[in-house]
Amino acid sequence: MQMAVNILLVIDALIMIVLILLQSGKSAGLSGAISGGAEQLFGKQKARGIDLFLHRGTVVTGILFFLLAFLSAYVI
């Protein structure tokens, strides 16, 4: 059981790394950090297509990573 959880944890971590690296950058330097918050808060732009898939995949793998990490600590 412990080995299976650890293998799933490593696979999930690798998938999460790939999903994070495939995402496009959200800021354009210091000017993007200052003015970008207003665009995200009040802007009408929503993620579509591959960006939405990568974002949702990252969230799901992140949650799964923490659940597997807690399960791995509990099974020991």
Protein backbone atom coordinates (compact mmCIF):
# COMPACT_ATOMS: atom_id res chain seq x y z
CA MET A 1 0.00 0.00 0.00
CA GLN A 2 2.78 2.42 0.94
CA MET A 3 4.67 1.76 -2.29
CA ALA A 4 1.55 2.26 -4.42
CA VAL A 5 0.78 5.60 -2.74
CA ASN A 6 4.37 6.77 -3.20
CA ILE A 7 4.38 5.80 -6.88
CA LEU A 8 1.10 7.69 -7.42
CA LEU A 9 2.57 10.66 -5.56
CA VAL A 10 5.63 10.77 -7.84
CA ILE A 11 3.52 10.40 -11.00
CA ASP A 12 1.18 13.18 -9.83
CA ALA A 13 4.14 15.44 -9.03
CA LEU A 14 5.62 14.92 -12.50
CA ILE A 15 2.28 15.64 -14.19
CA MET A 16 1.86 18.78 -12.09
CA ILE A 17 5.36 20.00 -13.03
CA VAL A 18 4.62 19.50 -16.73
CA LEU A 19 1.28 21.32 -16.48
CA ILE A 20 2.85 24.27 -14.67
CA LEU A 21 5.69 24.57 -17.18
CA LEU A 22 3.29 24.50 -20.13
CA GLN A 23 1.27 27.47 -18.84
CA SER A 24 1.90 30.88 -20.34
CA GLY A 25 3.18 33.74 -18.21
CA LYS A 26 0.56 36.09 -16.75
CA SER A 27 2.66 39.21 -16.13
CA ALA A 28 4.80 41.44 -18.31
CA GLY A 29 7.48 42.53 -15.87
CA LEU A 30 6.99 45.26 -13.26
CA SER A 31 4.44 47.19 -15.28
CA GLY A 32 2.34 44.07 -15.65
CA ALA A 33 2.50 43.47 -11.92
CA ILE A 34 1.25 46.98 -11.15
CA SER A 35 -1.47 47.34 -13.78
CA GLY A 36 -2.24 43.66 -14.29
CA GLY A 37 -4.28 43.32 -11.11
CA ALA A 38 -6.90 45.78 -12.33
CA GLU A 39 -7.24 43.93 -15.63
CA GLN A 40 -7.77 40.62 -13.87
CA LEU A 41 -10.26 42.09 -11.42
CA PHE A 42 -12.31 44.21 -13.80
CA GLY A 43 -11.40 42.74 -17.19
CA LYS A 44 -13.71 40.61 -19.27
CA GLN A 45 -10.98 38.22 -20.39
CA LYS A 46 -11.49 34.64 -19.35
CA ALA A 47 -9.17 31.76 -19.96
CA ARG A 48 -10.23 29.70 -22.94
CA GLY A 49 -9.05 26.54 -24.59
CA ILE A 50 -5.70 25.14 -23.61
CA ASP A 51 -5.07 27.76 -20.91
CA LEU A 52 -8.28 26.78 -19.14
CA PHE A 53 -7.40 23.09 -19.42
CA LEU A 54 -3.89 23.67 -18.03
CA HIS A 55 -5.23 25.77 -15.15
CA ARG A 56 -7.88 23.24 -14.16
CA GLY A 57 -5.42 20.38 -14.54
CA THR A 58 -2.96 22.15 -12.26
CA VAL A 59 -5.63 22.68 -9.60
CA VAL A 60 -6.74 19.05 -9.75
CA THR A 61 -3.20 17.65 -9.59
CA GLY A 62 -2.35 20.04 -6.74
CA ILE A 63 -5.31 18.84 -4.67
CA LEU A 64 -4.49 15.23 -5.51
CA PHE A 65 -0.85 15.83 -4.52
CA PHE A 66 -1.80 17.06 -1.05
CA LEU A 67 -4.28 14.22 -0.53
CA LEU A 68 -1.67 11.63 -1.54
CA ALA A 69 0.96 13.29 0.66
CA PHE A 70 -1.36 13.15 3.68
CA LEU A 71 -2.29 9.56 2.86
CA SER A 72 1.39 8.66 2.52
CA ALA A 73 2.13 10.11 5.96
CA TYR A 74 -0.89 8.33 7.46
CA VAL A 75 -0.06 4.90 6.00
CA ILE A 76 3.46 4.88 7.49
